[in-house]
Amino acid sequence: MERLAAHRFRRTTLVAVFCASVLVGIGAARIVTFEFWWAFASGVVFIIVARKQRLAVLLLAVLVGLLIGGARGNLYMQKLSE
């Protein structure tokens, strides 16, 4: 676990994980309700922590991607219900 925590992830890996998380968040919007302000708050934290490029950044990329995808999916589900 120490080795994974000390590993420095490439930007391309972080972008790929973020994009996959957004897609999962959009799909999860059918089941769970997401709030946009959570995505904004976690995005700010992601920008602050992103310089270290460690395990925390990878986990934050997943969290931010899920929240942004979920917020976007909720907007789509609201328009679809109308």
PDB file of N, CA and C in Angstrom:
ATOM      1  N   MET A   1       0.819  -1.193   0.000  1.00  0.00           N
ATOM      2  CA  MET A   1       0.000   0.000   0.000  1.00  0.00           C
ATOM      3  C   MET A   1       0.864   1.259   0.000  1.00  0.00           C
ATOM      4  N   GLU A   2       2.001   1.202   0.677  1.00  0.00           N
ATOM      5  CA  GLU A   2       2.890   2.368   0.695  1.00  0.00           C
ATOM      6  C   GLU A   2       3.394   2.689  -0.702  1.00  0.00           C
ATOM      7  N   ARG A   3       3.645   1.639  -1.463  1.00  0.00           N
ATOM      8  CA  ARG A   3       4.148   1.850  -2.819  1.00  0.00           C
ATOM      9  C   ARG A   3       3.105   2.535  -3.691  1.00  0.00           C
ATOM     10  N   LEU A   4       1.843   2.133  -3.533  1.00  0.00           N
ATOM     11  CA  LEU A   4       0.768   2.766  -4.293  1.00  0.00           C
ATOM     12  C   LEU A   4       0.551   4.202  -3.840  1.00  0.00           C
ATOM     13  N   ALA A   5       0.642   4.439  -2.549  1.00  0.00           N
ATOM     14  CA  ALA A   5       0.454   5.798  -2.032  1.00  0.00           C
ATOM     15  C   ALA A   5       1.568   6.734  -2.479  1.00  0.00           C
ATOM     16  N   ALA A   6       2.773   6.193  -2.688  1.00  0.00           N
ATOM     17  CA  ALA A   6       3.898   7.030  -3.103  1.00  0.00           C
ATOM     18  C   ALA A   6       4.025   7.123  -4.618  1.00  0.00           C
ATOM     19  N   HIS A   7       3.234   6.330  -5.340  1.00  0.00           N
ATOM     20  CA  HIS A   7       3.333   6.333  -6.801  1.00  0.00           C
ATOM     21  C   HIS A   7       2.834   7.650  -7.368  1.00  0.00           C
ATOM     22  N   ARG A   8       3.532   8.140  -8.346  1.00  0.00           N
ATOM     23  CA  ARG A   8       3.140   9.400  -8.988  1.00  0.00           C
ATOM     24  C   ARG A   8       2.436   9.072 -10.307  1.00  0.00           C
ATOM     25  N   PHE A   9       1.156   9.416 -10.401  1.00  0.00           N
ATOM     26  CA  PHE A   9       0.348   9.092 -11.570  1.00  0.00           C
ATOM     27  C   PHE A   9       0.579  10.110 -12.674  1.00  0.00           C
ATOM     28  N   ARG A  10       0.568   9.630 -13.909  1.00  0.00           N
ATOM     29  CA  ARG A  10       0.697  10.526 -15.064  1.00  0.00           C
ATOM     30  C   ARG A  10      -0.604  11.292 -15.275  1.00  0.00           C
ATOM     31  N   ARG A  11      -0.491  12.411 -15.940  1.00  0.00           N
ATOM     32  CA  ARG A  11      -1.686  13.216 -16.225  1.00  0.00           C
ATOM     33  C   ARG A  11      -2.673  12.472 -17.099  1.00  0.00           C
ATOM     34  N   THR A  12      -2.158  11.715 -18.052  1.00  0.00           N
ATOM     35  CA  THR A  12      -3.061  10.976 -18.942  1.00  0.00           C
ATOM     36  C   THR A  12      -3.870   9.939 -18.170  1.00  0.00           C
ATOM     37  N   THR A  13      -3.257   9.326 -17.172  1.00  0.00           N
ATOM     38  CA  THR A  13      -3.973   8.368 -16.336  1.00  0.00           C
ATOM     39  C   THR A  13      -5.064   9.075 -15.545  1.00  0.00           C
ATOM     40  N   LEU A  14      -4.739  10.230 -14.989  1.00  0.00           N
ATOM     41  CA  LEU A  14      -5.730  10.985 -14.215  1.00  0.00           C
ATOM     42  C   LEU A  14      -6.881  11.448 -15.101  1.00  0.00           C
ATOM     43  N   VAL A  15      -6.588  11.874 -16.317  1.00  0.00           N
ATOM     44  CA  VAL A  15      -7.637  12.320 -17.234  1.00  0.00           C
ATOM     45  C   VAL A  15      -8.526  11.141 -17.629  1.00  0.00           C
ATOM     46  N   ALA A  16      -7.926   9.991 -17.897  1.00  0.00           N
ATOM     47  CA  ALA A  16      -8.707   8.808 -18.268  1.00  0.00           C
ATOM     48  C   ALA A  16      -9.605   8.358 -17.124  1.00  0.00           C
ATOM     49  N   VAL A  17      -9.089   8.369 -15.909  1.00  0.00           N
ATOM     50  CA  VAL A  17      -9.888   7.990 -14.741  1.00  0.00           C
ATOM     51  C   VAL A  17     -11.000   8.996 -14.515  1.00  0.00           C
ATOM     52  N   PHE A  18     -10.703  10.277 -14.695  1.00  0.00           N
ATOM     53  CA  PHE A  18     -11.717  11.317 -14.535  1.00  0.00           C
ATOM     54  C   PHE A  18     -12.851  11.140 -15.555  1.00  0.00           C
ATOM     55  N   CYS A  19     -12.498  10.910 -16.820  1.00  0.00           N
ATOM     56  CA  CYS A  19     -13.513  10.747 -17.867  1.00  0.00           C
ATOM     57  C   CYS A  19     -14.376   9.509 -17.620  1.00  0.00           C
ATOM     58  N   ALA A  20     -13.753   8.422 -17.201  1.00  0.00           N
ATOM     59  CA  ALA A  20     -14.516   7.215 -16.882  1.00  0.00           C
ATOM     60  C   ALA A  20     -15.453   7.466 -15.704  1.00  0.00           C
ATOM     61  N   SER A  21     -15.005   8.228 -14.728  1.00  0.00           N
ATOM     62  CA  SER A  21     -15.843   8.551 -13.572  1.00  0.00           C
ATOM     63  C   SER A  21     -17.031   9.420 -13.958  1.00  0.00           C
ATOM     64  N   VAL A  22     -16.817  10.336 -14.885  1.00  0.00           N
ATOM     65  CA  VAL A  22     -17.927  11.170 -15.359  1.00  0.00           C
ATOM     66  C   VAL A  22     -18.999  10.287 -15.997  1.00  0.00           C
ATOM     67  N   LEU A  23     -18.574   9.340 -16.818  1.00  0.00           N
ATOM     68  CA  LEU A  23     -19.533   8.446 -17.458  1.00  0.00           C
ATOM     69  C   LEU A  23     -20.278   7.595 -16.442  1.00  0.00           C
ATOM     70  N   VAL A  24     -19.575   7.116 -15.437  1.00  0.00           N
ATOM     71  CA  VAL A  24     -20.235   6.337 -14.378  1.00  0.00           C
ATOM     72  C   VAL A  24     -21.208   7.222 -13.610  1.00  0.00           C
ATOM     73  N   GLY A  25     -20.827   8.468 -13.357  1.00  0.00           N
ATOM     74  CA  GLY A  25     -21.716   9.398 -12.656  1.00  0.00           C
ATOM     75  C   GLY A  25     -22.978   9.693 -13.439  1.00  0.00           C
ATOM     76  N   ILE A  26     -22.851   9.819 -14.759  1.00  0.00           N
ATOM     77  CA  ILE A  26     -24.033  10.053 -15.596  1.00  0.00           C
ATOM     78  C   ILE A  26     -24.966   8.847 -15.519  1.00  0.00           C
ATOM     79  N   GLY A  27     -24.400   7.655 -15.555  1.00  0.00           N
ATOM     80  CA  GLY A  27     -25.224   6.457 -15.436  1.00  0.00           C
ATOM     81  C   GLY A  27     -25.848   6.312 -14.061  1.00  0.00           C
ATOM     82  N   ALA A  28     -25.122   6.709 -13.030  1.00  0.00           N
ATOM     83  CA  ALA A  28     -25.633   6.599 -11.663  1.00  0.00           C
ATOM     84  C   ALA A  28     -26.708   7.630 -11.359  1.00  0.00           C
ATOM     85  N   ALA A  29     -26.850   8.638 -12.192  1.00  0.00           N
ATOM     86  CA  ALA A  29     -27.858   9.681 -11.956  1.00  0.00           C
ATOM     87  C   ALA A  29     -29.273   9.134 -12.057  1.00  0.00           C
ATOM     88  N   ARG A  30     -29.433   7.994 -12.688  1.00  0.00           N
ATOM     89  CA  ARG A  30     -30.758   7.376 -12.755  1.00  0.00           C
ATOM     90  C   ARG A  30     -31.178   6.830 -11.398  1.00  0.00           C
ATOM     91  N   ILE A  31     -30.205   6.532 -10.537  1.00  0.00           N
ATOM     92  CA  ILE A  31     -30.481   5.903  -9.247  1.00  0.00           C
ATOM     93  C   ILE A  31     -30.335   6.886  -8.087  1.00  0.00           C
ATOM     94  N   VAL A  32     -29.274   7.700  -8.126  1.00  0.00           N
ATOM     95  CA  VAL A  32     -28.911   8.580  -7.015  1.00  0.00           C
ATOM     96  C   VAL A  32     -29.042  10.031  -7.457  1.00  0.00           C
ATOM     97  N   THR A  33     -29.461  10.892  -6.540  1.00  0.00           N
ATOM     98  CA  THR A  33     -29.551  12.320  -6.830  1.00  0.00           C
ATOM     99  C   THR A  33     -28.248  13.001  -6.402  1.00  0.00           C
ATOM    100  N   PHE A  34     -27.664  13.751  -7.318  1.00  0.00           N
ATOM    101  CA  PHE A  34     -26.421  14.471  -7.052  1.00  0.00           C
ATOM    102  C   PHE A  34     -26.716  15.959  -7.026  1.00  0.00           C
ATOM    103  N   GLU A  35     -25.965  16.674  -6.206  1.00  0.00           N
ATOM    104  CA  GLU A  35     -26.072  18.130  -6.142  1.00  0.00           C
ATOM    105  C   GLU A  35     -24.846  18.745  -6.814  1.00  0.00           C
ATOM    106  N   PHE A  36     -25.056  19.813  -7.563  1.00  0.00           N
ATOM    107  CA  PHE A  36     -23.964  20.438  -8.305  1.00  0.00           C
ATOM    108  C   PHE A  36     -22.947  21.103  -7.387  1.00  0.00           C
ATOM    109  N   TRP A  37     -23.373  21.645  -6.272  1.00  0.00           N
ATOM    110  CA  TRP A  37     -22.435  22.356  -5.409  1.00  0.00           C
ATOM    111  C   TRP A  37     -21.420  21.405  -4.793  1.00  0.00           C
ATOM    112  N   TRP A  38     -21.762  20.120  -4.625  1.00  0.00           N
ATOM    113  CA  TRP A  38     -20.774  19.139  -4.162  1.00  0.00           C
ATOM    114  C   TRP A  38     -19.666  18.989  -5.194  1.00  0.00           C
ATOM    115  N   ALA A  39     -20.056  18.961  -6.456  1.00  0.00           N
ATOM    116  CA  ALA A  39     -19.073  18.838  -7.533  1.00  0.00           C
ATOM    117  C   ALA A  39     -18.155  20.060  -7.558  1.00  0.00           C
ATOM    118  N   PHE A  40     -18.721  21.224  -7.353  1.00  0.00           N
ATOM    119  CA  PHE A  40     -17.918  22.449  -7.344  1.00  0.00           C
ATOM    120  C   PHE A  40     -16.936  22.442  -6.178  1.00  0.00           C
ATOM    121  N   ALA A  41     -17.408  22.091  -4.990  1.00  0.00           N
ATOM    122  CA  ALA A  41     -16.543  22.080  -3.806  1.00  0.00           C
ATOM    123  C   ALA A  41     -15.417  21.057  -3.940  1.00  0.00           C
ATOM    124  N   SER A  42     -15.744  19.876  -4.432  1.00  0.00           N
ATOM    125  CA  SER A  42     -14.699  18.863  -4.578  1.00  0.00           C
ATOM    126  C   SER A  42     -13.741  19.223  -5.726  1.00  0.00           C
ATOM    127  N   GLY A  43     -14.221  19.945  -6.720  1.00  0.00           N
ATOM    128  CA  GLY A  43     -13.348  20.422  -7.784  1.00  0.00           C
ATOM    129  C   GLY A  43     -12.315  21.413  -7.280  1.00  0.00           C
ATOM    130  N   VAL A  44     -12.725  22.268  -6.367  1.00  0.00           N
ATOM    131  CA  VAL A  44     -11.790  23.222  -5.771  1.00  0.00           C
ATOM    132  C   VAL A  44     -10.721  22.480  -4.968  1.00  0.00           C
ATOM    133  N   VAL A  45     -11.149  21.482  -4.206  1.00  0.00           N
ATOM    134  CA  VAL A  45     -10.185  20.678  -3.444  1.00  0.00           C
ATOM    135  C   VAL A  45      -9.241  19.943  -4.393  1.00  0.00           C
ATOM    136  N   PHE A  46      -9.776  19.437  -5.499  1.00  0.00           N
ATOM    137  CA  PHE A  46      -8.956  18.739  -6.483  1.00  0.00           C
ATOM    138  C   PHE A  46      -7.880  19.644  -7.054  1.00  0.00           C
ATOM    139  N   ILE A  47      -8.228  20.868  -7.362  1.00  0.00           N
ATOM    140  CA  ILE A  47      -7.253  21.809  -7.916  1.00  0.00           C
ATOM    141  C   ILE A  47      -6.153  22.112  -6.892  1.00  0.00           C
ATOM    142  N   ILE A  48      -6.520  22.208  -5.637  1.00  0.00           N
ATOM    143  CA  ILE A  48      -5.530  22.497  -4.597  1.00  0.00           C
ATOM    144  C   ILE A  48      -4.573  21.317  -4.414  1.00  0.00           C
ATOM    145  N   VAL A  49      -5.093  20.107  -4.428  1.00  0.00           N
ATOM    146  CA  VAL A  49      -4.285  18.919  -4.143  1.00  0.00           C
ATOM    147  C   VAL A  49      -3.584  18.380  -5.390  1.00  0.00           C
ATOM    148  N   ALA A  50      -3.981  18.799  -6.574  1.00  0.00           N
ATOM    149  CA  ALA A  50      -3.525  18.199  -7.826  1.00  0.00           C
ATOM    150  C   ALA A  50      -2.023  18.310  -8.063  1.00  0.00           C
ATOM    151  N   ARG A  51      -1.338  19.125  -7.383  1.00  0.00           N
ATOM    152  CA  ARG A  51       0.096  19.293  -7.624  1.00  0.00           C
ATOM    153  C   ARG A  51       0.908  18.084  -7.142  1.00  0.00           C
ATOM    154  N   LYS A  52       0.410  17.367  -6.165  1.00  0.00           N
ATOM    155  CA  LYS A  52       1.191  16.268  -5.595  1.00  0.00           C
ATOM    156  C   LYS A  52       1.135  15.006  -6.451  1.00  0.00           C
ATOM    157  N   GLN A  53       0.072  14.786  -7.181  1.00  0.00           N
ATOM    158  CA  GLN A  53      -0.106  13.643  -8.069  1.00  0.00           C
ATOM    159  C   GLN A  53       0.178  12.330  -7.361  1.00  0.00           C
ATOM    160  N   ARG A  54      -0.501  12.072  -6.309  1.00  0.00           N
ATOM    161  CA  ARG A  54      -0.377  10.836  -5.556  1.00  0.00           C
ATOM    162  C   ARG A  54      -1.742  10.149  -5.522  1.00  0.00           C
ATOM    163  N   LEU A  55      -1.894   9.199  -4.633  1.00  0.00           N
ATOM    164  CA  LEU A  55      -3.129   8.421  -4.536  1.00  0.00           C
ATOM    165  C   LEU A  55      -4.328   9.314  -4.214  1.00  0.00           C
ATOM    166  N   ALA A  56      -4.130  10.327  -3.400  1.00  0.00           N
ATOM    167  CA  ALA A  56      -5.222  11.232  -3.053  1.00  0.00           C
ATOM    168  C   ALA A  56      -5.761  11.937  -4.288  1.00  0.00           C
ATOM    169  N   VAL A  57      -4.890  12.275  -5.204  1.00  0.00           N
ATOM    170  CA  VAL A  57      -5.317  12.948  -6.426  1.00  0.00           C
ATOM    171  C   VAL A  57      -6.152  11.997  -7.281  1.00  0.00           C
ATOM    172  N   LEU A  58      -5.746  10.739  -7.354  1.00  0.00           N
ATOM    173  CA  LEU A  58      -6.511   9.761  -8.114  1.00  0.00           C
ATOM    174  C   LEU A  58      -7.903   9.587  -7.514  1.00  0.00           C
ATOM    175  N   LEU A  59      -7.982   9.487  -6.201  1.00  0.00           N
ATOM    176  CA  LEU A  59      -9.274   9.342  -5.546  1.00  0.00           C
ATOM    177  C   LEU A  59     -10.136  10.598  -5.722  1.00  0.00           C
ATOM    178  N   LEU A  60      -9.521  11.760  -5.666  1.00  0.00           N
ATOM    179  CA  LEU A  60     -10.269  12.994  -5.892  1.00  0.00           C
ATOM    180  C   LEU A  60     -10.740  13.103  -7.340  1.00  0.00           C
ATOM    181  N   ALA A  61      -9.942  12.616  -8.274  1.00  0.00           N
ATOM    182  CA  ALA A  61     -10.364  12.628  -9.681  1.00  0.00           C
ATOM    183  C   ALA A  61     -11.603  11.753  -9.861  1.00  0.00           C
ATOM    184  N   VAL A  62     -11.626  10.620  -9.197  1.00  0.00           N
ATOM    185  CA  VAL A  62     -12.803   9.747  -9.258  1.00  0.00           C
ATOM    186  C   VAL A  62     -14.005  10.443  -8.622  1.00  0.00           C
ATOM    187  N   LEU A  63     -13.820  11.040  -7.467  1.00  0.00           N
ATOM    188  CA  LEU A  63     -14.917  11.714  -6.767  1.00  0.00           C
ATOM    189  C   LEU A  63     -15.466  12.888  -7.571  1.00  0.00           C
ATOM    190  N   VAL A  64     -14.590  13.730  -8.077  1.00  0.00           N
ATOM    191  CA  VAL A  64     -15.030  14.887  -8.859  1.00  0.00           C
ATOM    192  C   VAL A  64     -15.730  14.432 -10.135  1.00  0.00           C
ATOM    193  N   GLY A  65     -15.186  13.422 -10.790  1.00  0.00           N
ATOM    194  CA  GLY A  65     -15.824  12.898 -11.998  1.00  0.00           C
ATOM    195  C   GLY A  65     -17.208  12.348 -11.730  1.00  0.00           C
ATOM    196  N   LEU A  66     -17.353  11.599 -10.648  1.00  0.00           N
ATOM    197  CA  LEU A  66     -18.671  11.063 -10.291  1.00  0.00           C
ATOM    198  C   LEU A  66     -19.665  12.183 -10.000  1.00  0.00           C
ATOM    199  N   LEU A  67     -19.220  13.179  -9.268  1.00  0.00           N
ATOM    200  CA  LEU A  67     -20.130  14.264  -8.905  1.00  0.00           C
ATOM    201  C   LEU A  67     -20.513  15.122 -10.108  1.00  0.00           C
ATOM    202  N   ILE A  68     -19.564  15.417 -10.968  1.00  0.00           N
ATOM    203  CA  ILE A  68     -19.888  16.210 -12.160  1.00  0.00           C
ATOM    204  C   ILE A  68     -20.790  15.421 -13.091  1.00  0.00           C
ATOM    205  N   GLY A  69     -20.466  14.158 -13.307  1.00  0.00           N
ATOM    206  CA  GLY A  69     -21.315  13.315 -14.139  1.00  0.00           C
ATOM    207  C   GLY A  69     -22.703  13.148 -13.556  1.00  0.00           C
ATOM    208  N   GLY A  70     -22.771  12.978 -12.244  1.00  0.00           N
ATOM    209  CA  GLY A  70     -24.069  12.840 -11.593  1.00  0.00           C
ATOM    210  C   GLY A  70     -24.905  14.104 -11.672  1.00  0.00           C
ATOM    211  N   ALA A  71     -24.262  15.244 -11.500  1.00  0.00           N
ATOM    212  CA  ALA A  71     -24.987  16.515 -11.598  1.00  0.00           C
ATOM    213  C   ALA A  71     -25.507  16.714 -13.018  1.00  0.00           C
ATOM    214  N   ARG A  72     -24.694  16.400 -13.991  1.00  0.00           N
ATOM    215  CA  ARG A  72     -25.117  16.534 -15.394  1.00  0.00           C
ATOM    216  C   ARG A  72     -26.227  15.526 -15.716  1.00  0.00           C
ATOM    217  N   GLY A  73     -26.094  14.324 -15.188  1.00  0.00           N
ATOM    218  CA  GLY A  73     -27.125  13.318 -15.395  1.00  0.00           C
ATOM    219  C   GLY A  73     -28.451  13.705 -14.761  1.00  0.00           C
ATOM    220  N   ASN A  74     -28.396  14.352 -13.599  1.00  0.00           N
ATOM    221  CA  ASN A  74     -29.632  14.826 -12.963  1.00  0.00           C
ATOM    222  C   ASN A  74     -30.323  15.883 -13.805  1.00  0.00           C
ATOM    223  N   LEU A  75     -29.548  16.794 -14.385  1.00  0.00           N
ATOM    224  CA  LEU A  75     -30.150  17.802 -15.259  1.00  0.00           C
ATOM    225  C   LEU A  75     -30.830  17.148 -16.455  1.00  0.00           C
ATOM    226  N   TYR A  76     -30.190  16.140 -17.017  1.00  0.00           N
ATOM    227  CA  TYR A  76     -30.766  15.424 -18.144  1.00  0.00           C
ATOM    228  C   TYR A  76     -32.038  14.670 -17.732  1.00  0.00           C
ATOM    229  N   MET A  77     -32.016  14.048 -16.560  1.00  0.00           N
ATOM    230  CA  MET A  77     -33.186  13.305 -16.107  1.00  0.00           C
ATOM    231  C   MET A  77     -34.370  14.250 -15.847  1.00  0.00           C
ATOM    232  N   GLN A  78     -34.093  15.461 -15.366  1.00  0.00           N
ATOM    233  CA  GLN A  78     -35.160  16.443 -15.148  1.00  0.00           C
ATOM    234  C   GLN A  78     -35.774  16.852 -16.490  1.00  0.00           C
ATOM    235  N   LYS A  79     -34.941  17.093 -17.491  1.00  0.00           N
ATOM    236  CA  LYS A  79     -35.468  17.465 -18.808  1.00  0.00           C
ATOM    237  C   LYS A  79     -36.213  16.310 -19.442  1.00  0.00           C
ATOM    238  N   LEU A  80     -35.752  15.106 -19.198  1.00  0.00           N
ATOM    239  CA  LEU A  80     -36.382  13.938 -19.763  1.00  0.00           C
ATOM    240  C   LEU A  80     -37.758  13.691 -19.142  1.00  0.00           C
ATOM    241  N   SER A  81     -37.909  13.987 -17.853  1.00  0.00           N
ATOM    242  CA  SER A  81     -39.192  13.776 -17.192  1.00  0.00           C
ATOM    243  C   SER A  81     -40.248  14.781 -17.646  1.00  0.00           C
ATOM    244  N   GLU A  82     -39.832  15.935 -18.119  1.00  0.00           N
ATOM    245  CA  GLU A  82     -40.789  16.926 -18.612  1.00  0.00           C
ATOM    246  C   GLU A  82     -41.377  16.443 -19.906  1.00  0.00           C
TER     247      GLU A  82
END
